[in-house]
Amino acid sequence: MPRATQPSTVAAVPAITTNSPVSGTAGTVVTLTGTGFTGATAVTFGGAPSASFTVVSATVITTVAPAGAGTVQVTVATPDGTSNGMGFTYTIATPVISSVVSSQGSVEGGNTVTLTGTGFTGATSVSFGTVAAAFIAVSATQATAVVPAAPVGTVNVTITTPGGTSAGIPYTYVAAPVLGSVAPAQGPLAGGNSITLSGTGFTGTTSVRFGANAATSFSVVSATQLTAVVPTGGPGPVAVTVTTPAGTSTQAIPYYYLAAPVISGVAAGSGPAGGGMAVTLTGANFLQATAVRFGATAATPYTIFSATEIRTVSPPGAAGTAPVTVTTPGGTSNGAAYVYLGAPVVTGLVPNQGPLAGGNTLTLTGVGLTYATSVLFGAVPAGFAVVSDTQLTTTAPPGAAGAVTVRAVTPGGTSVGVSYTRIGAPGI
């Protein structure tokens, strides 16, 4: 009896009937339907293997399109063979700009900005409004461009690729700052003082400079006003400048660094406690003096005769030494000694009598005699020599017989007198 023949099993080659979508960019998820997908080993797009694929069932595969261009054939491979091809067309995504840094600049242009986003590959142009800019496509997500010149205002920045033109991102053209004034326009070499700058276009200020030195700090009050703390500097004028993303001010607005005043001499160097003494100060850097003080007391009026001389009148003060100072925008001077004097006090005279012809030497004792300017016998001045604050010697002038009052005179006043008696020679 012949053996029965077993039926043979013929493997089925995979077949694709549809793909969806039929076009897209690299990374698009594509669903393939058909038959024989079980055990699929590869999915290719024009020979390029898919980055990944999933066999959902014998009739469905999902896959991710790899990089490619134009229209390609999608195929599925299994151990039983390779399917027919199904067309897939690569499209180019419209570029998208997400940011422009920086987003503002000078009307003169010339600065470089960075565009970030997606789809920049194959970029053919970058435009600021309707004006094309020189650019470099750094990558699919970044490009740099040189800003063209344009009037003040805001324009849209766009990038164009074979996939189309992006939506616009605002870029603002601003005028360079204009500095109109600096107040005060002078100060000490050490800096540290605060000044106010007025002008236009101060919004977005990035620096304030005094010559080559940056301000210690600054604050933008408004588009027309800044405050700044002055850095140290050398004597003389420097140009103040303000810098913003639109550029640097070009107006020649000077700030003057002033050396502090110096007092080298005071004449007269002493006077009465009641004040009123004419005083001349000599030294340097007296121009633009704003105050003259004796101790803490201001002297008014005062006259600036030159950079080296000021004349004033001493104000009232307590007996003793007070420092005289001059203040200018450059600072306050050293203190020079001025002595306030009380009226001298005379307590003794030895001897207290002498001949009518005078010429004899007397010793006057008391207090406050250092600054004696004269010794009076009645109304007659006599020669004298100051020995100390408590003693001086004097030579009696000739005069009539009898008592006369002897007094000492200083810038602080005249003492109460002591008596001196002239005695005539005895008669025969």
Protein backbone atom coordinates (compact mmCIF):
# COMPACT_ATOMS: atom_id res chain seq x y z
CA MET A 1 0.00 0.00 0.00
CA PRO A 2 1.63 3.28 -1.05
CA ARG A 3 2.59 5.90 1.78
CA ALA A 4 0.40 9.00 1.94
CA THR A 5 2.16 12.23 0.87
CA GLN A 6 2.32 15.02 3.57
CA PRO A 7 1.41 18.53 2.41
CA SER A 8 4.49 20.92 2.24
CA THR A 9 4.59 24.32 4.05
CA VAL A 10 5.73 27.26 1.85
CA ALA A 11 7.10 30.32 3.72
CA ALA A 12 5.31 33.59 2.93
CA VAL A 13 7.48 36.54 1.86
CA PRO A 14 6.35 39.73 3.68
CA ALA A 15 4.22 42.16 1.72
CA ILE A 16 3.44 45.85 2.45
CA THR A 17 0.05 47.05 1.35
CA THR A 18 -0.01 50.57 2.88
CA ASN A 19 2.17 52.99 4.82
CA SER A 20 0.97 55.98 6.81
CA PRO A 21 1.97 58.73 6.56
CA VAL A 22 3.44 58.63 3.10
CA SER A 23 5.72 61.65 3.72
CA GLY A 24 7.51 63.36 6.57
CA THR A 25 10.85 64.33 8.02
CA ALA A 26 13.51 62.19 9.63
CA GLY A 27 12.08 60.95 12.93
CA THR A 28 8.54 60.60 11.63
CA VAL A 29 6.77 57.49 13.00
CA VAL A 30 5.40 55.45 10.05
CA THR A 31 2.84 52.60 10.37
CA LEU A 32 3.18 49.77 7.84
CA THR A 33 0.32 47.33 7.16
CA GLY A 34 0.52 44.12 5.13
CA THR A 35 1.29 40.45 5.73
CA GLY A 36 4.12 38.19 6.83
CA PHE A 37 5.67 40.64 9.29
CA THR A 38 6.27 38.05 12.02
CA GLY A 39 9.99 37.77 12.83
CA ALA A 40 10.91 40.94 10.90
CA THR A 41 14.64 41.58 11.12
CA ALA A 42 14.91 44.99 9.45
CA VAL A 43 12.96 47.93 8.06
CA THR A 44 14.78 50.15 5.57
CA PHE A 45 14.06 53.52 3.93
CA GLY A 46 15.85 53.56 0.61
CA GLY A 47 18.39 51.12 1.98
CA ALA A 48 18.93 53.12 5.20
CA PRO A 49 17.96 51.10 8.27
CA SER A 50 15.24 52.51 10.46
CA ALA A 51 16.45 53.81 13.79
CA SER A 52 13.86 51.58 15.44
CA PHE A 53 10.81 49.52 14.60
CA THR A 54 8.18 47.46 16.46
CA VAL A 55 6.36 44.40 15.12
CA VAL A 56 2.86 44.97 16.42
CA SER A 57 1.47 41.86 14.71
CA ALA A 58 1.92 39.78 11.58
CA THR A 59 0.15 42.56 9.71
CA VAL A 60 1.33 45.80 11.43
CA ILE A 61 4.77 47.35 12.03
CA THR A 62 5.54 50.82 13.42
CA THR A 63 8.89 52.30 12.45
CA VAL A 64 10.86 55.56 12.68
CA ALA A 65 12.11 57.18 9.50
CA PRO A 66 15.90 57.66 9.46
CA ALA A 67 17.63 60.62 7.81
CA GLY A 68 17.00 60.84 4.12
CA ALA A 69 15.95 62.97 1.18
CA GLY A 70 13.56 62.72 -1.74
CA THR A 71 11.26 59.73 -2.31
CA VAL A 72 12.55 56.35 -1.13
CA GLN A 73 11.21 52.79 -0.96
CA VAL A 74 10.32 51.35 2.45
CA THR A 75 10.88 47.57 2.77
CA VAL A 76 10.51 44.95 5.50
CA ALA A 77 12.89 41.96 5.76
CA THR A 78 12.14 38.66 7.52
CA PRO A 79 13.95 35.30 7.44
CA ASP A 80 11.59 34.42 4.60
CA GLY A 81 12.64 37.32 2.36
CA THR A 82 12.21 41.03 1.69
CA SER A 83 8.94 42.72 0.93
CA ASN A 84 7.97 44.87 -1.97
CA GLY A 85 8.83 48.58 -1.66
CA MET A 86 6.34 51.27 -0.59
CA GLY A 87 7.08 54.91 -1.38
CA PHE A 88 7.92 57.47 1.37
CA THR A 89 8.75 61.11 0.54
CA TYR A 90 11.03 63.16 2.78
CA THR A 91 9.82 66.70 3.44
CA ILE A 92 11.82 69.58 4.99
CA ALA A 93 10.42 71.15 8.19
CA THR A 94 9.81 74.90 8.26
CA PRO A 95 12.53 76.47 10.42
CA VAL A 96 11.58 77.84 13.85
CA ILE A 97 13.50 80.61 15.66
CA SER A 98 13.08 80.41 19.43
CA SER A 99 15.45 83.24 20.46
CA VAL A 100 17.78 85.99 19.22
CA VAL A 101 20.67 87.06 21.47
CA SER A 102 21.06 89.90 21.88
CA SER A 103 17.65 91.21 20.92
CA GLN A 104 18.64 94.85 20.46
CA GLY A 105 21.48 96.89 19.07
CA SER A 106 22.67 100.05 17.38
CA VAL A 107 21.01 101.57 14.35
CA GLU A 108 24.45 101.35 12.75
CA GLY A 109 24.36 97.54 12.91
CA GLY A 110 27.56 95.55 12.56
CA ASN A 111 27.07 93.57 15.77
CA THR A 112 26.74 89.79 15.74
CA VAL A 113 23.67 87.99 17.12
CA THR A 114 22.97 84.31 17.70
CA LEU A 115 19.73 82.65 16.53
CA THR A 116 18.64 79.42 18.17
CA GLY A 117 15.78 77.15 17.13
CA THR A 118 15.20 74.16 14.84
CA GLY A 119 15.34 73.32 11.14
CA PHE A 120 18.23 75.62 10.23
CA THR A 121 19.93 73.02 8.00
CA GLY A 122 20.31 74.31 4.46
CA ALA A 123 19.51 77.89 5.45
CA THR A 124 19.59 80.24 2.46
CA SER A 125 19.00 83.61 4.13
CA VAL A 126 18.54 85.51 7.40
CA SER A 127 16.60 88.78 7.25
CA PHE A 128 16.06 91.71 9.62
CA GLY A 129 12.74 93.01 8.42
CA THR A 130 13.23 93.15 4.67
CA VAL A 131 17.02 93.54 4.84
CA ALA A 132 19.18 90.43 4.30
CA ALA A 133 22.03 89.85 6.73
CA ALA A 134 25.33 88.04 6.40
CA PHE A 135 25.02 84.77 8.32
CA ILE A 136 26.58 81.43 9.17
CA ALA A 137 24.42 78.36 9.77
CA VAL A 138 26.32 76.78 12.63
CA SER A 139 24.03 73.75 13.01
CA ALA A 140 20.46 72.64 12.59
CA THR A 141 19.65 74.53 15.79
CA GLN A 142 21.94 77.57 15.73
CA ALA A 143 23.04 80.33 13.36
CA THR A 144 24.95 83.60 13.76
CA ALA A 145 24.17 86.75 11.79
CA VAL A 146 25.71 90.21 11.37
CA VAL A 147 23.03 92.82 11.98
CA PRO A 148 22.48 95.27 9.08
CA ALA A 149 21.91 98.99 9.67
CA ALA A 150 18.33 100.22 10.10
CA PRO A 151 16.36 103.12 11.63
CA VAL A 152 15.26 103.15 15.28
CA GLY A 153 12.44 100.66 15.83
CA THR A 154 11.61 96.94 15.99
CA VAL A 155 11.81 94.49 13.08
CA ASN A 156 11.21 90.75 12.76
CA VAL A 157 14.17 88.42 12.29
CA THR A 158 13.47 85.44 10.01
CA ILE A 159 15.46 82.54 8.61
CA THR A 160 14.71 80.81 5.30
CA THR A 161 15.54 77.22 4.33
CA PRO A 162 14.26 74.89 1.58
CA GLY A 163 11.53 74.08 4.10
CA GLY A 164 10.23 77.65 4.13
CA THR A 165 10.60 80.85 6.14
CA SER A 166 10.30 80.95 9.92
CA ALA A 167 7.98 83.15 11.91
CA GLY A 168 9.62 86.41 12.99
CA ILE A 169 11.36 87.12 16.31
CA PRO A 170 11.54 90.82 17.32
CA TYR A 171 14.84 92.69 17.18
CA THR A 172 14.96 96.32 18.31
CA TYR A 173 17.17 99.02 16.82
CA VAL A 174 18.05 101.70 19.35
CA ALA A 175 20.03 104.93 19.05
CA ALA A 176 23.44 105.18 20.74
CA PRO A 177 23.30 106.98 24.09
CA VAL A 178 23.79 110.75 24.13
CA LEU A 179 25.34 112.24 27.27
CA GLY A 180 24.25 115.83 27.90
CA SER A 181 25.61 116.72 31.34
CA VAL A 182 27.42 115.47 34.42
CA ALA A 183 26.66 116.99 37.84
CA PRO A 184 28.68 117.70 39.78
CA ALA A 185 31.41 117.70 37.15
CA GLN A 186 34.31 117.61 39.58
CA GLY A 187 35.46 115.76 42.66
CA PRO A 188 38.37 114.31 44.65
CA LEU A 189 41.14 112.13 43.29
CA ALA A 190 40.02 109.32 45.60
CA GLY A 191 36.59 109.18 43.94
CA GLY A 192 33.75 107.61 45.90
CA ASN A 193 31.39 110.52 45.30
CA SER A 194 28.08 110.07 43.51
CA ILE A 195 27.20 112.06 40.37
CA THR A 196 24.17 112.31 38.09
CA LEU A 197 24.41 111.88 34.31
CA SER A 198 21.66 113.31 32.09
CA GLY A 199 21.02 112.59 28.40
CA THR A 200 19.10 110.12 26.24
CA GLY A 201 19.20 106.44 25.32
CA PHE A 202 20.38 105.17 28.73
CA THR A 203 18.08 102.12 28.80
CA GLY A 204 20.11 98.91 28.97
CA THR A 205 23.33 100.67 29.96
CA THR A 206 26.16 98.16 30.35
CA SER A 207 28.95 100.46 31.53
CA VAL A 208 29.86 104.00 32.59
CA ARG A 209 33.50 105.02 32.29
CA PHE A 210 35.61 107.92 33.52
CA GLY A 211 38.40 107.98 31.01
CA ALA A 212 39.73 104.41 31.00
CA ASN A 213 38.29 103.57 34.43
CA ALA A 214 34.89 101.97 34.97
CA ALA A 215 32.55 103.60 37.47
CA THR A 216 32.63 101.88 40.85
CA SER A 217 28.89 101.33 40.39
CA PHE A 218 26.00 102.85 38.46
CA SER A 219 22.21 102.77 38.43
CA VAL A 220 19.85 103.46 35.52
CA VAL A 221 17.18 105.80 36.88
CA SER A 222 15.45 106.23 33.52
CA ALA A 223 16.17 106.43 29.80
CA THR A 224 17.41 109.99 30.43
CA GLN A 225 19.20 109.73 33.78
CA LEU A 226 21.92 107.67 35.45
CA THR A 227 23.67 107.87 38.79
CA ALA A 228 27.26 106.67 39.11
CA VAL A 229 29.91 106.39 41.82
CA VAL A 230 33.18 107.95 40.61
CA PRO A 231 36.31 105.71 40.58
CA THR A 232 39.76 106.96 41.60
CA GLY A 233 41.66 109.04 39.07
CA GLY A 234 44.55 111.39 38.43
CA PRO A 235 44.41 115.22 38.50
CA GLY A 236 42.71 116.86 35.54
CA PRO A 237 39.76 116.23 33.19
CA VAL A 238 38.63 112.86 31.82
CA ALA A 239 35.86 112.06 29.34
CA VAL A 240 32.75 110.42 30.76
CA THR A 241 31.11 107.82 28.46
CA VAL A 242 27.99 105.66 28.63
CA THR A 243 27.77 102.32 26.79
CA THR A 244 24.58 100.43 25.87
CA PRO A 245 23.92 97.62 23.37
CA ALA A 246 23.43 100.45 20.85
CA GLY A 247 26.95 101.77 21.27
CA THR A 248 28.98 104.27 23.29
CA SER A 249 28.25 107.98 23.71
CA THR A 250 30.64 110.22 21.78
CA GLN A 251 29.93 113.62 23.33
CA ALA A 252 33.01 115.11 24.99
CA ILE A 253 31.59 115.64 28.48
CA PRO A 254 34.47 116.14 30.96
CA TYR A 255 34.73 115.28 34.64
CA TYR A 256 37.51 117.01 36.59
CA TYR A 257 39.56 115.23 39.23
CA LEU A 258 40.79 117.83 41.73
CA ALA A 259 43.67 117.54 44.18
CA ALA A 260 42.76 118.46 47.77
CA PRO A 261 43.74 121.98 48.87
CA VAL A 262 46.89 122.48 50.97
CA ILE A 263 47.46 125.32 53.46
CA SER A 264 51.10 126.30 53.94
CA GLY A 265 50.70 129.60 55.83
CA VAL A 266 48.27 131.62 57.99
CA ALA A 267 48.78 135.35 58.56
CA ALA A 268 47.89 136.67 61.03
CA GLY A 269 48.17 133.40 62.91
CA SER A 270 46.41 134.64 66.02
CA GLY A 271 43.67 136.99 67.05
CA PRO A 272 41.08 137.82 69.69
CA ALA A 273 38.52 135.26 70.83
CA GLY A 274 35.86 137.65 69.61
CA GLY A 275 37.05 137.20 66.03
CA GLY A 276 37.22 139.95 63.44
CA MET A 277 40.92 139.49 62.63
CA ALA A 278 41.89 139.74 58.95
CA VAL A 279 43.54 136.45 57.99
CA THR A 280 45.34 135.49 54.76
CA LEU A 281 45.75 131.81 53.89
CA THR A 282 48.46 130.76 51.46
CA GLY A 283 48.93 127.33 49.87
CA ALA A 284 47.68 125.48 46.77
CA ASN A 285 44.52 124.30 45.01
CA PHE A 286 42.26 126.97 46.51
CA LEU A 287 40.21 127.58 43.35
CA GLN A 288 36.54 126.61 43.70
CA ALA A 289 36.77 126.69 47.50
CA THR A 290 33.36 126.04 49.01
CA ALA A 291 34.17 126.68 52.68
CA VAL A 292 36.81 128.09 55.04
CA ARG A 293 36.52 126.94 58.64
CA PHE A 294 38.17 127.81 61.94
CA GLY A 295 37.65 124.60 63.84
CA ALA A 296 34.00 123.77 63.18
CA THR A 297 33.01 127.40 62.59
CA ALA A 298 32.62 128.69 59.05
CA ALA A 299 34.35 131.94 58.18
CA THR A 300 32.25 134.34 56.13
CA PRO A 301 32.90 136.06 53.93
CA TYR A 302 36.04 134.80 52.26
CA THR A 303 37.66 135.86 48.99
CA ILE A 304 39.57 133.57 46.62
CA PHE A 305 42.37 135.73 45.23
CA SER A 306 44.08 132.89 43.36
CA ALA A 307 44.79 129.18 43.50
CA THR A 308 47.33 129.98 46.21
CA GLU A 309 45.65 132.70 48.30
CA ILE A 310 42.40 133.16 50.23
CA ARG A 311 41.57 136.10 52.46
CA THR A 312 38.97 135.97 55.21
CA VAL A 313 38.07 137.25 58.67
CA SER A 314 38.30 135.03 61.73
CA PRO A 315 34.96 134.13 63.32
CA PRO A 316 34.56 134.18 67.13
CA GLY A 317 36.13 131.19 68.91
CA ALA A 318 37.21 129.86 72.27
CA ALA A 319 40.68 130.76 73.56
CA GLY A 320 43.20 128.24 72.32
CA THR A 321 44.36 126.77 69.00
CA ALA A 322 41.86 126.00 66.23
CA PRO A 323 42.67 124.25 62.90
CA VAL A 324 41.94 126.39 59.84
CA THR A 325 40.80 124.34 56.82
CA VAL A 326 39.76 125.02 53.21
CA THR A 327 37.25 122.76 51.45
CA THR A 328 36.88 122.40 47.67
CA PRO A 329 35.26 119.72 45.47
CA GLY A 330 38.69 118.07 45.65
CA GLY A 331 38.45 117.56 49.41
CA THR A 332 39.42 119.32 52.64
CA SER A 333 42.90 120.66 53.34
CA ASN A 334 45.24 119.99 56.22
CA GLY A 335 44.48 121.99 59.37
CA ALA A 336 46.73 125.01 59.91
CA ALA A 337 46.99 126.43 63.42
CA TYR A 338 45.22 129.66 64.32
CA VAL A 339 45.41 130.82 67.94
CA TYR A 340 42.46 132.50 69.62
CA LEU A 341 43.77 134.82 72.31
CA GLY A 342 42.12 136.15 75.45
CA ALA A 343 43.23 139.57 76.75
CA PRO A 344 46.62 139.33 78.54
CA VAL A 345 46.75 139.57 82.34
CA VAL A 346 49.56 141.51 84.05
CA THR A 347 50.13 140.64 87.72
CA GLY A 348 53.47 142.23 88.63
CA LEU A 349 56.16 144.76 87.70
CA VAL A 350 59.68 144.66 89.18
CA PRO A 351 60.97 147.17 89.97
CA ASN A 352 57.85 149.30 90.10
CA GLN A 353 59.66 152.66 90.24
CA GLY A 354 62.58 154.39 88.56
CA PRO A 355 64.15 157.63 87.45
CA LEU A 356 62.50 160.36 85.41
CA ALA A 357 65.01 159.78 82.60
CA GLY A 358 63.90 156.16 82.19
CA GLY A 359 66.22 153.65 80.49
CA ASN A 360 66.01 151.15 83.31
CA THR A 361 64.92 147.54 82.64
CA LEU A 362 61.75 146.21 84.21
CA THR A 363 60.26 142.68 84.36
CA LEU A 364 56.53 142.36 83.69
CA THR A 365 54.84 139.14 84.83
CA GLY A 366 51.39 137.75 84.11
CA VAL A 367 49.60 135.43 81.65
CA GLY A 368 49.14 135.50 77.86
CA LEU A 369 52.22 137.58 77.10
CA THR A 370 53.56 135.39 74.25
CA TYR A 371 51.85 137.38 71.51
CA ALA A 372 52.51 140.85 72.98
CA THR A 373 52.59 143.54 70.33
CA SER A 374 53.37 146.49 72.60
CA VAL A 375 53.93 147.61 76.20
CA LEU A 376 52.45 151.00 77.15
CA PHE A 377 53.56 153.35 79.94
CA GLY A 378 50.42 155.42 80.02
CA ALA A 379 49.99 156.10 76.32
CA VAL A 380 53.72 155.90 75.55
CA PRO A 381 55.01 152.65 73.93
CA ALA A 382 58.17 151.13 75.31
CA GLY A 383 60.68 148.65 73.97
CA PHE A 384 60.17 145.06 75.18
CA ALA A 385 61.24 141.45 74.78
CA VAL A 386 59.02 138.43 75.39
CA VAL A 387 60.70 135.91 77.66
CA SER A 388 57.78 133.49 77.99
CA ASP A 389 54.02 133.44 78.11
CA THR A 390 54.24 134.63 81.72
CA GLN A 391 57.11 137.10 81.50
CA LEU A 392 58.55 139.90 79.41
CA THR A 393 61.15 142.61 79.96
CA THR A 394 60.67 146.24 79.05
CA THR A 395 62.66 149.49 79.15
CA ALA A 396 61.02 152.39 80.96
CA PRO A 397 60.68 155.52 78.78
CA PRO A 398 61.41 158.98 80.29
CA GLY A 399 58.55 160.91 81.81
CA ALA A 400 57.28 163.26 84.46
CA ALA A 401 57.47 162.39 88.14
CA GLY A 402 54.57 160.40 89.47
CA ALA A 403 52.66 157.19 88.82
CA VAL A 404 51.83 155.86 85.38
CA THR A 405 49.87 152.72 84.36
CA VAL A 406 51.81 149.99 82.54
CA ARG A 407 49.79 147.69 80.24
CA ALA A 408 50.58 144.82 77.83
CA VAL A 409 48.84 144.69 74.43
CA THR A 410 48.32 141.49 72.35
CA PRO A 411 45.99 140.64 69.43
CA GLY A 412 43.68 139.32 72.14
CA GLY A 413 43.31 142.73 73.79
CA THR A 414 44.91 145.02 76.35
CA SER A 415 45.61 144.04 79.95
CA VAL A 416 44.54 145.82 83.08
CA GLY A 417 47.46 148.04 84.11
CA VAL A 418 49.91 147.95 87.00
CA SER A 419 51.43 151.07 88.49
CA TYR A 420 54.95 152.37 87.83
CA THR A 421 56.25 155.48 89.64
CA ARG A 422 58.90 157.88 88.31
CA ILE A 423 60.88 159.52 91.09
CA GLY A 424 62.81 162.74 90.68
CA ALA A 425 66.37 163.17 92.05
CA PRO A 426 66.50 164.43 95.70
CA GLY A 427 67.03 168.20 96.10
CA ILE A 428 70.05 169.79 97.88
